[in-house]
Amino acid sequence: MILIDVWEGGEARRRVQDYCELWGIEGPVLLDEAGAYAKLLGIRGVPTNVLVDSTGIVRAVGAGNPDELHAEVDRLLQGDPR
């Protein structure tokens, strides 16, 4: 899994690192400081989670907390693309 973080404001890299440490997020995290990817997807509010499958198709938008995000990932791993 690759995470893309959109962070508006200063010290984005440090703030994203702090956020990942707080929530126990491990693995690659790409930083979209300019919000270009979020704009491409039509996302206006951040933070927003976007779950993209291995083929590049967006499968979930807005799974706002770790439990919701884990449920969406589990659903996708079980083969339920909805």
Protein backbone atom coordinates (compact mmCIF):
# COMPACT_ATOMS: atom_id res chain seq x y z
CA MET A 1 0.00 0.00 0.00
CA ILE A 2 1.21 3.47 -0.82
CA LEU A 3 -0.27 6.44 0.97
CA ILE A 4 -0.47 9.90 -0.54
CA ASP A 5 -0.73 12.72 1.93
CA VAL A 6 -2.00 16.15 1.01
CA TRP A 7 -0.91 18.66 3.58
CA GLU A 8 -1.76 22.31 3.35
CA GLY A 9 0.42 24.74 5.24
CA GLY A 10 3.97 24.80 6.48
CA GLU A 11 6.24 22.04 7.74
CA ALA A 12 4.33 19.43 5.74
CA ARG A 13 6.98 16.70 5.92
CA ARG A 14 7.33 16.93 9.72
CA ARG A 15 3.57 17.10 10.26
CA VAL A 16 2.95 14.06 8.08
CA GLN A 17 5.66 12.16 9.94
CA ASP A 18 4.04 13.09 13.27
CA TYR A 19 0.61 12.00 11.97
CA CYS A 20 1.97 8.63 10.81
CA GLU A 21 3.68 8.05 14.15
CA LEU A 22 0.48 8.96 16.03
CA TRP A 23 -1.64 6.47 14.05
CA GLY A 24 1.01 3.77 13.63
CA ILE A 25 1.09 4.17 9.85
CA GLU A 26 4.03 2.39 8.25
CA GLY A 27 5.19 2.09 4.67
CA PRO A 28 5.65 4.49 1.80
CA VAL A 29 3.91 7.84 2.10
CA LEU A 30 4.02 10.23 -0.84
CA LEU A 31 3.61 13.90 -0.02
CA ASP A 32 1.39 16.03 -2.28
CA GLU A 33 2.18 19.48 -0.87
CA ALA A 34 0.65 21.32 -3.81
CA GLY A 35 -2.56 19.26 -3.72
CA ALA A 36 -2.26 18.31 -7.40
CA TYR A 37 -3.39 14.70 -6.89
CA ALA A 38 -6.27 15.71 -4.65
CA LYS A 39 -7.37 18.26 -7.24
CA LEU A 40 -7.19 15.62 -9.97
CA LEU A 41 -9.58 13.42 -7.94
CA GLY A 42 -11.90 16.32 -7.13
CA ILE A 43 -11.17 16.20 -3.40
CA ARG A 44 -11.79 19.51 -1.72
CA GLY A 45 -11.43 18.78 1.98
CA VAL A 46 -8.42 17.32 3.65
CA PRO A 47 -7.60 15.10 5.32
CA THR A 48 -9.31 12.54 3.10
CA ASN A 49 -8.35 8.92 2.60
CA VAL A 50 -8.46 7.57 -0.93
CA LEU A 51 -8.09 3.83 -1.43
CA VAL A 52 -6.74 2.91 -4.86
CA ASP A 53 -6.50 -0.72 -5.93
CA SER A 54 -3.51 -2.33 -7.62
CA THR A 55 -4.85 -1.43 -11.06
CA GLY A 56 -5.15 2.27 -10.23
CA ILE A 57 -8.92 2.36 -9.75
CA VAL A 58 -10.20 4.47 -6.85
CA ARG A 59 -12.24 2.12 -4.63
CA ALA A 60 -13.03 4.27 -1.60
CA VAL A 61 -12.92 7.95 -0.73
CA GLY A 62 -13.28 9.38 2.75
CA ALA A 63 -12.66 6.39 5.02
CA GLY A 64 -12.02 8.88 7.78
CA ASN A 65 -10.63 6.88 10.65
CA PRO A 66 -8.34 3.86 10.95
CA ASP A 67 -11.23 1.42 11.57
CA GLU A 68 -13.09 2.52 8.43
CA LEU A 69 -9.90 2.43 6.38
CA HIS A 70 -9.00 -1.06 7.64
CA ALA A 71 -12.51 -2.28 6.80
CA GLU A 72 -12.21 -0.93 3.25
CA VAL A 73 -8.78 -2.53 2.79
CA ASP A 74 -10.05 -5.86 4.15
CA ARG A 75 -13.06 -5.71 1.82
CA LEU A 76 -10.79 -5.08 -1.15
CA LEU A 77 -8.39 -7.86 -0.15
CA GLN A 78 -11.35 -10.28 0.02
CA GLY A 79 -12.12 -9.50 -3.62
CA ASP A 80 -15.15 -7.25 -3.11
CA PRO A 81 -14.57 -4.30 -5.47
CA ARG A 82 -18.10 -2.87 -5.01
